Amino acid sequence: METVRTRILPGQLKGCRTILAFLVPILMACPVAAQNTRPYSGPIFDAHLHYNIEAVQPYPVTKVLGMMKDAGVAAIVANSRPNDGTKALAESKGELTKSGVQIIPFIRLYRNRDDYTNWFRDPTIYQMVENELAAGTAAGAYRGVGEFHLYESQNANGPVAKKIMQLAEARNLVILAHVDDAAIEMLYAHAPKARIIWAHTGISGVPASRVVELLVKYPTLIGELSYRPGLTDGDGLLSPEWKQVFLSHPDRFCLGSDTWTNGRWAAYGEIMAGYRVWLGGLPTAIARKIAWENAAGLFGLP
């Protein structure tokens, strides 16, 4: 290939310097993510997973554990409607060992769909929780209660909701709650030292500033990030607002798949791959905290 030499005249050099002086500040202001765009490659703790009755036939235990292994998921919070799904996962010791997945069993408050809107005042739900705690699982004792829903904030003051919060505080159980920010305050009023994983960290679009306010007010509150609106942009990259939240509160968040329908099971690998993409825009140490260490520390895993 022929080399062409071009002579830059003094006047042209001055123009180049002017252009550079204009461009350098713009380039320096580009998102930091451009410096770290490689997806996160470490282990993931799935802190919000359901193995509901609808999933059992199309997604047998061997299959779902294989999906977790393929996605790099090394531990799960398992809860199901009814609790038989969680027990089935816990009983598959050989498959758990083969997949390398550790299971943290939770008691779900739903025997059927009718319980979604009535559990907080139904005394038979509380009795079920006590019975499950006494029985345990093949993987050991239950470590938490939930996911439960409160579609109206004031139902956090229901008699059974109050008793369950106090039971969780007394027995060091973790709560997985799908509620709004007002209900978070009410639940903590019943049990100030309880440990709560806030499912979706405000799925209705609670502002990030309000999330931070609650994190500061309640040191035992952990935000779970499935379905969280505004978390990423159209390209699946972390939004600047939430990046700043994670940089300032790196110890207070975890991930979850929320496999509440079979469609979520079908997309399980894609969900985890999506997390890995936006985690890649964070410093590696912070990405690992959100993906693994925060949830692992909550349950005493190495």
Protein backbone atom coordinates (compact mmCIF):
# COMPACT_ATOMS: atom_id res chain seq x y z
CA MET A 1 0.00 0.00 0.00
CA GLU A 2 1.34 3.42 -0.95
CA THR A 3 1.98 5.80 1.95
CA VAL A 4 0.70 9.34 1.50
CA ARG A 5 2.39 12.06 3.55
CA THR A 6 0.36 15.15 4.30
CA ARG A 7 1.93 18.39 5.43
CA ILE A 8 -0.01 20.35 8.04
CA LEU A 9 0.47 24.09 7.68
CA PRO A 10 0.79 26.33 10.80
CA GLY A 11 -2.73 27.70 10.38
CA GLN A 12 -4.17 24.20 10.10
CA LEU A 13 -2.30 23.08 13.25
CA LYS A 14 -3.92 25.90 15.20
CA GLY A 15 -7.32 24.70 14.00
CA CYS A 16 -6.57 21.14 15.10
CA ARG A 17 -5.65 22.37 18.56
CA THR A 18 -8.95 24.24 18.76
CA ILE A 19 -10.90 21.10 17.83
CA LEU A 20 -8.99 19.02 20.40
CA ALA A 21 -9.63 21.60 23.10
CA PHE A 22 -13.33 21.26 22.34
CA LEU A 23 -13.40 17.44 22.17
CA VAL A 24 -11.32 16.46 25.19
CA PRO A 25 -13.84 17.64 27.85
CA ILE A 26 -16.62 15.81 26.00
CA LEU A 27 -14.63 12.58 25.84
CA MET A 28 -13.72 12.87 29.51
CA ALA A 29 -17.41 13.27 30.36
CA CYS A 30 -18.41 10.01 28.64
CA PRO A 31 -19.98 7.43 31.01
CA VAL A 32 -17.52 5.46 33.13
CA ALA A 33 -19.26 2.32 31.87
CA ALA A 34 -17.32 2.78 28.65
CA GLN A 35 -14.21 1.89 30.65
CA ASN A 36 -15.78 -1.34 31.97
CA THR A 37 -18.25 -2.91 29.56
CA ARG A 38 -17.35 -6.56 30.12
CA PRO A 39 -20.30 -8.44 31.69
CA TYR A 40 -19.96 -9.61 35.28
CA SER A 41 -18.72 -13.21 35.29
CA GLY A 42 -18.88 -14.23 38.96
CA PRO A 43 -21.48 -16.21 40.94
CA ILE A 44 -25.06 -15.03 41.36
CA PHE A 45 -27.36 -15.48 44.37
CA ASP A 46 -30.97 -15.66 43.17
CA ALA A 47 -32.72 -14.19 46.22
CA HIS A 48 -36.25 -14.31 44.80
CA LEU A 49 -37.17 -17.59 43.14
CA HIS A 50 -40.52 -19.42 42.97
CA TYR A 51 -41.09 -23.06 42.11
CA ASN A 52 -44.88 -22.90 41.96
CA ILE A 53 -47.22 -25.78 41.19
CA GLU A 54 -47.55 -24.69 37.53
CA ALA A 55 -43.81 -25.14 36.99
CA VAL A 56 -43.39 -28.63 38.41
CA GLN A 57 -44.43 -30.63 35.33
CA PRO A 58 -42.84 -28.58 32.50
CA TYR A 59 -39.77 -27.76 34.59
CA PRO A 60 -38.79 -30.75 36.75
CA VAL A 61 -36.23 -30.30 39.50
CA THR A 62 -33.35 -31.70 37.46
CA LYS A 63 -34.07 -29.25 34.65
CA VAL A 64 -34.38 -26.12 36.79
CA LEU A 65 -31.20 -26.89 38.72
CA GLY A 66 -29.40 -27.37 35.41
CA MET A 67 -30.71 -23.99 34.24
CA MET A 68 -29.37 -22.38 37.40
CA LYS A 69 -25.97 -24.00 36.93
CA ASP A 70 -25.82 -22.87 33.30
CA ALA A 71 -26.66 -19.31 34.37
CA GLY A 72 -23.93 -19.24 37.02
CA VAL A 73 -26.42 -19.18 39.91
CA ALA A 74 -24.79 -20.71 42.98
CA ALA A 75 -27.51 -20.19 45.61
CA ILE A 76 -31.25 -19.49 45.71
CA VAL A 77 -33.97 -18.34 48.07
CA ALA A 78 -36.68 -20.88 47.24
CA ASN A 79 -40.36 -20.29 47.94
CA SER A 80 -43.42 -21.71 46.25
CA ARG A 81 -47.19 -21.93 46.13
CA PRO A 82 -47.83 -24.26 47.89
CA ASN A 83 -44.66 -25.02 49.86
CA ASP A 84 -44.38 -28.45 48.23
CA GLY A 85 -42.25 -26.95 45.45
CA THR A 86 -39.65 -25.69 47.89
CA LYS A 87 -39.62 -29.06 49.64
CA ALA A 88 -39.09 -30.84 46.31
CA LEU A 89 -36.03 -28.70 45.61
CA ALA A 90 -34.72 -29.31 49.13
CA GLU A 91 -35.15 -33.07 48.81
CA SER A 92 -33.03 -33.28 45.65
CA LYS A 93 -29.76 -33.46 47.53
CA GLY A 94 -27.90 -35.38 44.84
CA GLU A 95 -29.01 -32.97 42.11
CA LEU A 96 -28.21 -29.98 44.31
CA THR A 97 -24.69 -31.29 44.86
CA LYS A 98 -24.25 -31.97 41.14
CA SER A 99 -25.43 -28.48 40.17
CA GLY A 100 -23.48 -26.72 42.91
CA VAL A 101 -26.61 -24.78 43.92
CA GLN A 102 -27.25 -24.07 47.59
CA ILE A 103 -30.89 -23.73 48.63
CA ILE A 104 -32.22 -21.36 51.28
CA PRO A 105 -35.83 -22.46 51.96
CA PHE A 106 -38.55 -19.91 52.78
CA ILE A 107 -42.13 -20.51 53.88
CA ARG A 108 -44.62 -19.02 51.49
CA LEU A 109 -47.96 -17.92 52.93
CA TYR A 110 -50.04 -19.13 50.00
CA ARG A 111 -51.67 -22.53 49.82
CA ASN A 112 -53.63 -21.31 46.79
CA ARG A 113 -54.32 -18.07 44.93
CA ASP A 114 -57.12 -17.06 47.31
CA ASP A 115 -54.55 -16.59 50.07
CA TYR A 116 -52.86 -13.71 48.20
CA THR A 117 -55.52 -11.23 49.28
CA ASN A 118 -56.48 -12.61 52.68
CA TRP A 119 -53.38 -14.01 54.42
CA PHE A 120 -52.75 -10.97 56.59
CA ARG A 121 -55.94 -11.59 58.63
CA ASP A 122 -56.28 -15.38 58.34
CA PRO A 123 -55.22 -17.17 61.57
CA THR A 124 -54.86 -20.49 59.72
CA ILE A 125 -51.96 -18.97 57.77
CA TYR A 126 -50.10 -18.25 60.98
CA GLN A 127 -50.72 -21.81 62.15
CA MET A 128 -49.36 -23.10 58.83
CA VAL A 129 -46.18 -21.08 59.33
CA GLU A 130 -45.67 -22.53 62.81
CA ASN A 131 -46.26 -26.07 61.49
CA GLU A 132 -43.77 -25.58 58.66
CA LEU A 133 -41.16 -24.17 61.02
CA ALA A 134 -41.54 -27.20 63.26
CA ALA A 135 -41.19 -29.63 60.35
CA GLY A 136 -38.33 -27.97 58.45
CA THR A 137 -37.07 -29.28 55.10
CA ALA A 138 -34.62 -31.85 53.82
CA ALA A 139 -32.20 -28.97 53.28
CA GLY A 140 -32.53 -27.86 56.90
CA ALA A 141 -34.59 -25.29 58.73
CA TYR A 142 -36.59 -22.63 56.96
CA ARG A 143 -34.63 -19.38 56.89
CA GLY A 144 -37.39 -16.92 56.06
CA VAL A 145 -41.02 -16.13 55.25
CA GLY A 146 -42.38 -14.88 51.94
CA GLU A 147 -42.69 -13.74 49.27
CA PHE A 148 -45.95 -12.19 50.44
CA HIS A 149 -47.97 -9.40 48.84
CA LEU A 150 -49.78 -6.46 50.35
CA TYR A 151 -51.78 -4.79 47.61
CA GLU A 152 -53.02 -2.13 50.04
CA SER A 153 -50.53 -0.56 52.45
CA GLN A 154 -52.82 -0.60 55.48
CA ASN A 155 -53.05 -4.40 55.34
CA ALA A 156 -49.55 -4.41 56.82
CA ASN A 157 -51.39 -3.72 60.07
CA GLY A 158 -53.51 -6.86 59.75
CA PRO A 159 -53.34 -9.09 62.85
CA VAL A 160 -51.58 -11.97 61.10
CA ALA A 161 -49.14 -9.65 59.31
CA LYS A 162 -48.17 -8.17 62.68
CA LYS A 163 -47.72 -11.61 64.29
CA ILE A 164 -45.61 -12.91 61.42
CA MET A 165 -43.32 -9.89 61.56
CA GLN A 166 -42.85 -10.37 65.29
CA LEU A 167 -42.25 -14.10 64.82
CA ALA A 168 -39.61 -13.38 62.16
CA GLU A 169 -37.85 -10.91 64.43
CA ALA A 170 -37.88 -13.33 67.38
CA ARG A 171 -36.60 -16.31 65.35
CA ASN A 172 -34.17 -14.40 63.13
CA LEU A 173 -36.10 -15.21 59.95
CA VAL A 174 -35.77 -13.06 56.85
CA ILE A 175 -38.92 -11.55 55.33
CA LEU A 176 -39.40 -11.33 51.53
CA ALA A 177 -42.09 -8.68 51.02
CA HIS A 178 -43.75 -7.40 47.83
CA VAL A 179 -45.10 -4.13 49.21
CA ASP A 180 -44.95 -0.39 48.69
CA ASP A 181 -42.82 2.05 50.66
CA ALA A 182 -45.61 2.92 53.11
CA ALA A 183 -46.06 -0.75 54.01
CA ILE A 184 -42.32 -1.10 54.59
CA GLU A 185 -42.63 1.52 57.33
CA MET A 186 -45.63 -0.25 58.86
CA LEU A 187 -43.92 -3.65 58.87
CA TYR A 188 -40.90 -2.21 60.65
CA ALA A 189 -43.20 -0.60 63.21
CA HIS A 190 -44.23 -4.13 64.23
CA ALA A 191 -40.68 -5.50 64.32
CA PRO A 192 -37.95 -2.82 64.25
CA LYS A 193 -35.08 -5.34 64.15
CA ALA A 194 -36.54 -7.61 61.48
CA ARG A 195 -34.56 -8.31 58.31
CA ILE A 196 -36.55 -7.53 55.17
CA ILE A 197 -35.76 -8.18 51.52
CA TRP A 198 -37.86 -5.64 49.65
CA ALA A 199 -39.03 -7.51 46.55
CA HIS A 200 -38.55 -5.36 43.44
CA THR A 201 -37.46 -2.39 45.60
CA GLY A 202 -40.58 -0.43 44.72
CA ILE A 203 -42.11 -2.11 41.67
CA SER A 204 -44.67 0.69 41.36
CA GLY A 205 -41.90 3.17 40.63
CA VAL A 206 -40.97 4.49 44.06
CA PRO A 207 -38.31 7.16 43.38
CA ALA A 208 -34.70 6.18 43.95
CA SER A 209 -34.42 9.00 46.49
CA ARG A 210 -37.21 7.40 48.56
CA VAL A 211 -35.47 4.02 48.34
CA VAL A 212 -32.29 5.59 49.71
CA GLU A 213 -34.28 7.30 52.45
CA LEU A 214 -35.65 3.94 53.62
CA LEU A 215 -32.25 2.24 53.39
CA VAL A 216 -30.80 4.90 55.66
CA LYS A 217 -33.72 4.70 58.10
CA TYR A 218 -33.78 0.88 58.29
CA PRO A 219 -30.29 -0.68 58.39
CA THR A 220 -31.67 -4.23 57.99
CA LEU A 221 -33.54 -3.48 54.74
CA ILE A 222 -32.17 -5.08 51.54
CA GLY A 223 -33.46 -4.16 48.08
CA GLU A 224 -34.13 -6.94 45.53
CA LEU A 225 -34.02 -5.71 41.93
CA SER A 226 -36.27 -7.84 39.70
CA TYR A 227 -38.88 -5.81 37.80
CA ARG A 228 -37.48 -2.57 39.26
CA PRO A 229 -38.55 0.21 36.82
CA GLY A 230 -35.92 2.73 35.73
CA LEU A 231 -33.02 0.47 36.65
CA THR A 232 -31.66 0.24 33.11
CA ASP A 233 -31.91 2.14 29.84
CA GLY A 234 -33.18 0.84 26.51
CA ASP A 235 -29.92 -1.01 25.87
CA GLY A 236 -30.02 -2.89 29.17
CA LEU A 237 -27.25 -0.75 30.69
CA LEU A 238 -27.46 0.67 34.18
CA SER A 239 -29.09 4.10 34.42
CA PRO A 240 -26.89 6.90 35.85
CA GLU A 241 -29.32 7.44 38.74
CA TRP A 242 -29.23 3.85 39.92
CA LYS A 243 -25.52 3.55 39.32
CA GLN A 244 -25.03 6.34 41.83
CA VAL A 245 -27.34 4.58 44.31
CA PHE A 246 -25.29 1.38 44.04
CA LEU A 247 -22.00 3.24 44.36
CA SER A 248 -23.19 4.94 47.56
CA HIS A 249 -24.99 1.90 49.05
CA PRO A 250 -23.18 -1.17 47.66
CA ASP A 251 -24.05 -3.43 50.61
CA ARG A 252 -27.83 -3.05 50.40
CA PHE A 253 -28.99 -4.79 47.21
CA CYS A 254 -29.39 -8.27 45.77
CA LEU A 255 -30.76 -9.96 42.63
CA GLY A 256 -33.73 -12.22 41.94
CA SER A 257 -35.39 -14.03 39.04
CA ASP A 258 -39.00 -13.90 40.34
CA THR A 259 -40.05 -17.00 38.40
CA TRP A 260 -43.71 -16.44 39.26
CA THR A 261 -44.87 -17.71 35.84
CA ASN A 262 -43.49 -20.37 33.52
CA GLY A 263 -42.59 -17.60 31.10
CA ARG A 264 -40.01 -16.42 33.60
CA TRP A 265 -38.60 -19.95 33.79
CA ALA A 266 -38.36 -20.03 30.01
CA ALA A 267 -36.38 -16.77 30.14
CA TYR A 268 -34.27 -17.71 33.17
CA GLY A 269 -30.93 -17.63 31.36
CA GLU A 270 -31.80 -14.33 29.66
CA ILE A 271 -32.77 -12.74 32.99
CA MET A 272 -29.43 -13.61 34.55
CA ALA A 273 -27.53 -12.59 31.42
CA GLY A 274 -29.29 -9.22 31.58
CA TYR A 275 -28.11 -8.73 35.15
CA ARG A 276 -24.57 -9.57 34.11
CA VAL A 277 -24.65 -6.87 31.43
CA TRP A 278 -25.54 -3.95 33.69
CA LEU A 279 -23.41 -5.27 36.54
CA GLY A 280 -20.49 -4.93 34.14
CA GLY A 281 -20.91 -1.17 34.31
CA LEU A 282 -20.02 -1.16 38.02
CA PRO A 283 -16.65 -1.61 39.72
CA THR A 284 -16.01 -5.34 40.01
CA ALA A 285 -16.08 -5.38 43.81
CA ILE A 286 -19.49 -3.67 43.90
CA ALA A 287 -20.89 -5.91 41.16
CA ARG A 288 -19.90 -8.97 43.18
CA LYS A 289 -21.55 -7.56 46.31
CA ILE A 290 -24.87 -7.08 44.54
CA ALA A 291 -24.68 -10.36 42.64
CA TRP A 292 -23.48 -12.58 45.48
CA GLU A 293 -21.95 -11.26 48.68
CA ASN A 294 -24.85 -9.25 50.12
CA ALA A 295 -27.34 -12.12 49.98
CA ALA A 296 -24.72 -14.71 50.91
CA GLY A 297 -23.78 -12.67 53.96
CA LEU A 298 -27.43 -12.35 54.97
CA PHE A 299 -27.67 -16.14 55.23
CA GLY A 300 -24.14 -16.87 56.41
CA LEU A 301 -22.87 -18.49 53.22
CA PRO A 302 -19.13 -18.30 52.48
